[in-house]
């Protein structure tokens, strides 16, 4: 192999490596941006749910039932304990009832 061809190969490999680094950086940025967006969505939804819980006792009870059912980690339960103090559970509401109630609250009224 001639020296010229070897130099061209080396330059192309160097370009390839730089492009791979740029690609990895862009992919990581995309993942980070997506994670930040998802976190922001959760904060917005959580805020809306907490606001509605202050206004609607039945909705609040339904959310507490869901949380009691699905939040398992002690650390998470402890965190939610300050925000959602323990209350008497209402009669067991089925998930379909809770889902229907949530749909009613989330669907805008038709005029």
Protein backbone atom coordinates (compact mmCIF):
# COMPACT_ATOMS: atom_id res chain seq x y z
CA UNK A 1 0.00 0.00 0.00
CA UNK A 2 1.39 3.40 -0.90
CA UNK A 3 2.04 6.12 1.60
CA UNK A 4 -0.66 8.33 -0.02
CA UNK A 5 -3.35 5.65 0.34
CA UNK A 6 -2.33 4.96 3.93
CA UNK A 7 -2.58 8.68 4.76
CA UNK A 8 -6.02 8.91 3.16
CA UNK A 9 -7.18 5.89 5.14
CA UNK A 10 -5.86 7.42 8.36
CA UNK A 11 -7.62 10.74 7.65
CA UNK A 12 -10.89 9.01 6.86
CA UNK A 13 -10.67 6.94 10.06
CA UNK A 14 -10.02 10.12 12.02
CA UNK A 15 -13.07 11.77 10.42
CA UNK A 16 -15.13 8.67 11.17
CA UNK A 17 -14.09 8.76 14.82
CA UNK A 18 -14.94 12.47 15.11
CA UNK A 19 -18.33 11.86 13.48
CA UNK A 20 -19.00 8.97 15.85
CA UNK A 21 -18.26 11.25 18.81
CA UNK A 22 -20.58 13.94 17.45
CA UNK A 23 -23.29 11.35 16.81
CA UNK A 24 -22.98 9.98 20.35
CA UNK A 25 -23.15 13.51 21.78
CA UNK A 26 -26.29 14.30 19.75
CA UNK A 27 -27.95 11.02 20.73
CA UNK A 28 -27.21 11.73 24.40
CA UNK A 29 -28.62 15.24 24.05
CA UNK A 30 -31.79 13.85 22.49
CA UNK A 31 -32.18 11.40 25.39
CA UNK A 32 -31.58 14.15 27.95
CA UNK A 33 -34.06 16.49 26.24
CA UNK A 34 -36.68 13.74 26.13
CA UNK A 35 -36.16 12.91 29.81
CA UNK A 36 -36.50 16.60 30.73
CA UNK A 37 -39.70 16.89 28.66
CA UNK A 38 -41.20 13.80 30.29
CA UNK A 39 -40.29 15.11 33.74
CA UNK A 40 -41.93 18.44 32.95
CA UNK A 41 -45.07 16.65 31.73
CA UNK A 42 -45.25 14.70 34.98
CA UNK A 43 -44.90 17.90 37.01
CA UNK A 44 -47.69 19.58 35.04
CA UNK A 45 -50.03 16.58 35.31
CA UNK A 46 -49.23 16.21 39.01
CA UNK A 47 -49.98 19.87 39.62
CA UNK A 48 -53.30 19.61 37.84
CA UNK A 49 -54.23 16.49 39.80
CA UNK A 50 -53.28 18.11 43.12
CA UNK A 51 -55.29 21.23 42.27
CA UNK A 52 -58.35 19.15 41.42
CA UNK A 53 -57.92 17.10 44.60
CA UNK A 54 -58.27 20.29 46.63
CA UNK A 55 -61.58 21.06 44.92
CA UNK A 56 -63.16 17.61 44.61
CA UNK A 57 -63.18 15.25 47.58
CA UNK A 58 -64.42 12.29 45.52
CA UNK A 59 -61.61 12.78 43.00
CA UNK A 60 -59.12 13.10 45.86
CA UNK A 61 -60.36 9.86 47.38
CA UNK A 62 -60.05 8.09 44.04
CA UNK A 63 -56.48 9.31 43.60
CA UNK A 64 -55.60 8.21 47.14
CA UNK A 65 -56.97 4.74 46.36
CA UNK A 66 -54.84 4.56 43.21
CA UNK A 67 -51.77 5.74 45.08
CA UNK A 68 -52.32 3.24 47.86
CA UNK A 69 -52.64 0.52 45.24
CA UNK A 70 -49.69 1.38 43.02
CA UNK A 71 -47.09 3.19 45.13
CA UNK A 72 -45.07 0.41 46.73
CA UNK A 73 -41.66 1.79 47.64
CA UNK A 74 -41.52 2.97 51.27
CA UNK A 75 -39.53 6.04 50.25
CA UNK A 76 -42.22 7.03 47.75
CA UNK A 77 -44.98 6.45 50.30
CA UNK A 78 -43.11 8.60 52.80
CA UNK A 79 -42.76 11.39 50.24
CA UNK A 80 -46.45 11.28 49.36
CA UNK A 81 -47.45 11.16 53.02
CA UNK A 82 -46.70 14.87 53.41
CA UNK A 83 -48.70 15.81 50.34
CA UNK A 84 -51.50 13.31 50.70
CA UNK A 85 -52.20 12.65 54.36
CA UNK A 86 -53.79 9.30 55.11
CA UNK A 87 -57.57 9.32 54.99
CA UNK A 88 -60.24 6.72 55.34
CA UNK A 89 -60.52 4.80 52.12
CA UNK A 90 -63.90 5.13 50.47
CA UNK A 91 -65.72 2.00 49.45
CA UNK A 92 -63.52 0.16 46.99
CA UNK A 93 -63.85 1.90 43.65
CA UNK A 94 -63.02 -0.13 40.63
CA UNK A 95 -60.38 1.10 38.23
CA UNK A 96 -63.06 1.47 35.55
CA UNK A 97 -64.99 3.84 37.84
CA UNK A 98 -61.84 5.84 38.53
CA UNK A 99 -60.96 5.87 34.83
CA UNK A 100 -64.46 7.06 33.95
CA UNK A 101 -64.25 9.80 36.55
CA UNK A 102 -60.85 10.88 35.25
CA UNK A 103 -62.19 10.93 31.67
CA UNK A 104 -65.09 13.09 32.78
CA UNK A 105 -62.73 15.52 34.46
CA UNK A 106 -60.21 15.63 31.62
CA UNK A 107 -62.61 15.85 28.67
CA UNK A 108 -63.58 19.45 27.97
CA UNK A 109 -67.32 20.12 28.11
CA UNK A 110 -69.04 20.43 24.77
CA UNK A 111 -70.93 23.62 24.12
